[in-house]
Amino acid sequence: MAISDWPESERPRERLLALGPTALSDAELLAIYLRVGVRGKSAVDLARDLLLRFDGRLSTLVDASLDELASVSGIGRAKAAQLKASFELARRALTQQMSARDMLTSPGQVRDWLRLKLATRKNEVFMALWLDAQNRLLKADELFTGTLTQTSVYPREVVKTALEHNAAAVILAHNHPSGLAEPSRADEMLTRSLKEALAMVDVKLLDHFIVAGNATPLSLAERGLL
């Protein structure tokens, strides 16, 4: 049955107008964006198929490639391109929000951003969020990319990049594709080494997060490991 044949109170767009976007499910929100379904399937059915293709996780869907999205029956390259554009706009909006405020006053937002960037990456990625003297975001860099289980991080390159951005502070982050957020002994040693190297150029290491799956990123500062 087409959505236009549904009772008005059950149609996603009408529900959003009446109740606001937070009242809708992920599939309903996607259905509004997709607008139409395919033969035998409403836009909501198509949105559910799309979510199921990516393990029911929006974070996995957001990180999917254009080809992966387009391969879902009923999506195609045009809808896939629209979805990728909307996901990138969301990332940029969140980045701009972080650039305009003290990041230490919104730790939840930082964690959400890091999870969005790193949670579904298949290889280890080491990132730096460079901050000015007011702890506002200057630049987010993916400094090193490694294998499924490890990344080589070079303190000299981290310090060099800090100086290039004229940063006053930094928040570091890397992901564990294994899904286990616990810091390894190597993680702890690297964090101390980077803290000492950055201190030599008056750049303060504020935190080092480990991102693993959809769990809340683990803070080494909160663990007392900085």
Protein backbone atom coordinates (compact mmCIF):
# COMPACT_ATOMS: atom_id res chain seq x y z
CA MET A 1 0.00 0.00 0.00
CA ALA A 2 1.34 3.44 -0.93
CA ILE A 3 1.94 5.89 1.91
CA SER A 4 -0.64 8.21 0.36
CA ASP A 5 -3.25 5.54 1.11
CA TRP A 6 -2.30 5.36 4.80
CA PRO A 7 -4.34 7.19 7.46
CA GLU A 8 -2.97 10.72 7.65
CA SER A 9 -1.94 10.30 11.28
CA GLU A 10 0.40 7.43 10.28
CA ARG A 11 2.14 9.09 7.33
CA PRO A 12 5.76 10.01 8.16
CA ARG A 13 5.65 13.55 6.78
CA GLU A 14 2.39 14.38 8.54
CA ARG A 15 3.71 12.86 11.78
CA LEU A 16 6.84 15.01 11.54
CA LEU A 17 4.78 18.15 10.98
CA ALA A 18 2.53 17.33 13.93
CA LEU A 19 5.03 15.87 16.41
CA GLY A 20 8.49 16.96 15.28
CA PRO A 21 11.37 14.88 13.85
CA THR A 22 12.36 13.24 17.15
CA ALA A 23 9.04 11.36 17.22
CA LEU A 24 9.88 9.46 14.03
CA SER A 25 11.83 6.24 13.66
CA ASP A 26 15.02 6.07 11.59
CA ALA A 27 13.08 4.36 8.79
CA GLU A 28 10.38 7.05 8.80
CA LEU A 29 12.95 9.84 8.59
CA LEU A 30 14.71 8.10 5.71
CA ALA A 31 11.36 7.54 3.99
CA ILE A 32 10.66 11.28 3.99
CA TYR A 33 14.00 11.83 2.31
CA LEU A 34 13.49 9.03 -0.25
CA ARG A 35 9.98 10.39 -0.99
CA VAL A 36 8.82 7.40 -3.06
CA GLY A 37 9.21 3.65 -2.92
CA VAL A 38 9.27 1.06 -5.67
CA ARG A 39 6.69 -1.31 -7.04
CA GLY A 40 5.26 -3.35 -4.16
CA LYS A 41 7.11 -1.34 -1.50
CA SER A 42 6.37 1.99 0.15
CA ALA A 43 9.10 4.50 0.90
CA VAL A 44 9.08 3.25 4.50
CA ASP A 45 9.58 -0.35 3.32
CA LEU A 46 12.46 0.81 1.12
CA ALA A 47 13.98 2.73 4.02
CA ARG A 48 13.78 -0.39 6.23
CA ASP A 49 15.49 -2.45 3.51
CA LEU A 50 18.22 0.18 3.33
CA LEU A 51 18.80 0.09 7.08
CA LEU A 52 18.81 -3.72 7.18
CA ARG A 53 21.43 -3.79 4.42
CA PHE A 54 23.72 -1.90 6.81
CA ASP A 55 23.03 -3.89 9.99
CA GLY A 56 20.25 -1.55 11.10
CA ARG A 57 22.81 1.07 12.13
CA LEU A 58 22.68 4.65 10.92
CA SER A 59 26.40 5.03 11.60
CA THR A 60 27.16 2.18 9.18
CA LEU A 61 24.75 3.60 6.63
CA VAL A 62 26.34 7.06 6.86
CA ASP A 63 29.81 5.60 6.27
CA ALA A 64 28.76 3.44 3.30
CA SER A 65 30.24 4.19 -0.09
CA LEU A 66 28.24 5.52 -3.01
CA ASP A 67 28.43 2.13 -4.74
CA GLU A 68 27.28 0.29 -1.61
CA LEU A 69 24.24 2.55 -1.27
CA ALA A 70 23.40 2.34 -4.97
CA SER A 71 23.52 -1.47 -4.86
CA VAL A 72 20.42 -1.60 -2.64
CA SER A 73 17.39 -2.44 -4.76
CA GLY A 74 15.29 0.66 -5.33
CA ILE A 75 18.01 3.15 -4.39
CA GLY A 76 20.19 3.58 -7.48
CA ARG A 77 22.95 6.11 -7.99
CA ALA A 78 20.74 9.23 -7.96
CA LYS A 79 19.23 8.51 -4.52
CA ALA A 80 22.62 7.28 -3.30
CA ALA A 81 24.21 10.59 -4.32
CA GLN A 82 21.47 12.52 -2.51
CA LEU A 83 21.99 10.47 0.64
CA LYS A 84 25.77 10.95 0.57
CA ALA A 85 25.26 14.70 0.14
CA SER A 86 22.90 14.87 3.13
CA PHE A 87 25.30 12.85 5.32
CA GLU A 88 28.20 15.15 4.41
CA LEU A 89 26.10 18.23 5.19
CA ALA A 90 25.36 16.78 8.64
CA ARG A 91 29.06 16.18 9.27
CA ARG A 92 29.95 19.70 8.19
CA ALA A 93 27.22 21.25 10.33
CA LEU A 94 28.50 19.41 13.40
CA THR A 95 32.08 20.43 12.60
CA GLN A 96 31.02 24.09 12.32
CA GLN A 97 29.21 23.86 15.66
CA MET A 98 32.39 22.57 17.30
CA SER A 99 34.45 25.32 15.67
CA ALA A 100 32.23 27.99 17.21
CA ARG A 101 32.35 26.90 20.85
CA ASP A 102 34.65 25.67 23.61
CA MET A 103 34.87 21.94 22.95
CA LEU A 104 35.46 21.19 26.61
CA THR A 105 31.96 22.45 27.42
CA SER A 106 30.34 19.93 25.05
CA PRO A 107 32.15 16.60 25.52
CA GLY A 108 29.09 14.66 24.35
CA GLN A 109 29.17 16.43 21.01
CA VAL A 110 32.87 15.62 20.59
CA ARG A 111 32.19 11.96 21.32
CA ASP A 112 29.28 11.89 18.85
CA TRP A 113 31.45 13.44 16.15
CA LEU A 114 34.27 10.98 16.72
CA ARG A 115 31.89 8.04 16.66
CA LEU A 116 30.42 9.30 13.40
CA LYS A 117 33.89 9.59 11.88
CA LEU A 118 35.56 6.44 13.20
CA ALA A 119 33.09 3.84 14.48
CA THR A 120 32.69 1.95 11.20
CA ARG A 121 36.20 2.29 9.80
CA LYS A 122 37.67 -1.10 8.95
CA ASN A 123 41.29 -0.09 9.59
CA GLU A 124 42.80 1.77 12.51
CA VAL A 125 42.81 5.54 12.00
CA PHE A 126 44.62 8.05 14.21
CA MET A 127 43.10 11.55 14.35
CA ALA A 128 43.96 14.90 15.89
CA LEU A 129 41.48 17.68 16.65
CA TRP A 130 43.57 20.85 16.81
CA LEU A 131 42.24 23.63 19.06
CA ASP A 132 42.97 27.31 19.57
CA ALA A 133 43.54 29.02 22.92
CA GLN A 134 39.77 29.10 23.54
CA ASN A 135 39.50 25.35 22.86
CA ARG A 136 37.66 25.94 19.58
CA LEU A 137 38.27 23.57 16.71
CA LEU A 138 40.85 24.73 14.18
CA LYS A 139 41.14 21.58 12.10
CA ALA A 140 40.48 17.86 12.33
CA ASP A 141 43.19 15.75 10.68
CA GLU A 142 43.42 12.04 9.94
CA LEU A 143 47.14 11.77 10.55
CA PHE A 144 47.81 8.06 10.18
CA THR A 145 45.97 5.03 8.79
CA GLY A 146 47.02 1.49 9.58
CA THR A 147 45.84 -2.09 9.44
CA LEU A 148 42.99 -3.92 11.13
CA THR A 149 44.94 -4.14 14.39
CA GLN A 150 47.52 -1.35 14.53
CA THR A 151 48.63 2.06 13.32
CA SER A 152 52.14 3.50 13.28
CA VAL A 153 52.11 6.96 14.86
CA TYR A 154 55.13 9.25 14.59
CA PRO A 155 55.40 11.93 17.32
CA ARG A 156 57.60 14.13 15.11
CA GLU A 157 54.83 14.34 12.48
CA VAL A 158 52.21 15.08 15.15
CA VAL A 159 54.32 17.95 16.51
CA LYS A 160 55.00 19.24 12.99
CA THR A 161 51.28 19.36 12.23
CA ALA A 162 50.54 21.10 15.53
CA LEU A 163 52.97 23.87 14.60
CA GLU A 164 51.51 24.17 11.10
CA HIS A 165 48.07 24.82 12.60
CA ASN A 166 49.44 27.10 15.34
CA ALA A 167 47.44 24.97 17.78
CA ALA A 168 47.29 25.64 21.51
CA ALA A 169 45.80 22.26 22.41
CA VAL A 170 44.76 18.96 20.87
CA ILE A 171 42.35 16.08 21.38
CA LEU A 172 43.62 12.81 19.95
CA ALA A 173 41.51 9.84 18.89
CA HIS A 174 41.86 6.48 17.24
CA ASN A 175 39.54 3.57 16.60
CA HIS A 176 39.67 -0.12 17.50
CA PRO A 177 38.03 -2.03 14.62
CA SER A 178 37.91 -5.07 16.93
CA GLY A 179 35.09 -3.36 18.84
CA LEU A 180 36.99 -3.46 22.16
CA ALA A 181 37.50 0.01 23.60
CA GLU A 182 39.95 -0.89 26.37
CA PRO A 183 43.31 0.88 25.94
CA SER A 184 46.31 -1.33 25.33
CA ARG A 185 49.67 -0.86 27.00
CA ALA A 186 50.88 0.52 23.67
CA ASP A 187 48.04 3.07 23.67
CA GLU A 188 49.05 4.28 27.12
CA MET A 189 52.75 4.53 26.23
CA LEU A 190 51.99 6.37 22.97
CA THR A 191 49.75 8.85 24.79
CA ARG A 192 52.46 9.69 27.31
CA SER A 193 55.07 10.02 24.55
CA LEU A 194 52.85 12.37 22.54
CA LYS A 195 51.98 14.43 25.62
CA GLU A 196 55.67 14.98 26.35
CA ALA A 197 56.54 15.78 22.72
CA LEU A 198 53.67 18.27 22.37
CA ALA A 199 54.52 19.94 25.66
CA MET A 200 57.93 20.84 24.21
CA VAL A 201 56.13 23.18 21.76
CA ASP A 202 53.54 24.40 24.30
CA VAL A 203 50.64 22.35 22.92
CA LYS A 204 48.47 20.80 25.62
CA LEU A 205 47.10 17.29 25.17
CA LEU A 206 43.56 17.50 26.56
CA ASP A 207 42.39 13.95 25.92
CA HIS A 208 42.84 10.81 23.88
CA PHE A 209 39.68 8.93 22.89
CA ILE A 210 39.34 5.33 21.76
CA VAL A 211 36.38 4.68 19.48
CA ALA A 212 35.04 1.13 19.23
CA GLY A 213 31.76 0.35 17.50
CA ASN A 214 28.69 2.25 18.66
CA ALA A 215 29.76 2.35 22.30
CA THR A 216 30.54 5.71 23.91
CA PRO A 217 34.18 6.56 23.04
CA LEU A 218 36.51 5.87 25.94
CA SER A 219 38.40 8.85 27.40
CA LEU A 220 41.96 8.22 28.61
CA ALA A 221 41.79 11.49 30.58
CA GLU A 222 38.78 10.18 32.52
CA ARG A 223 40.72 6.98 33.18
CA GLY A 224 43.60 9.02 34.63
CA LEU A 225 45.93 7.86 31.86
CA LEU A 226 47.14 11.24 30.57
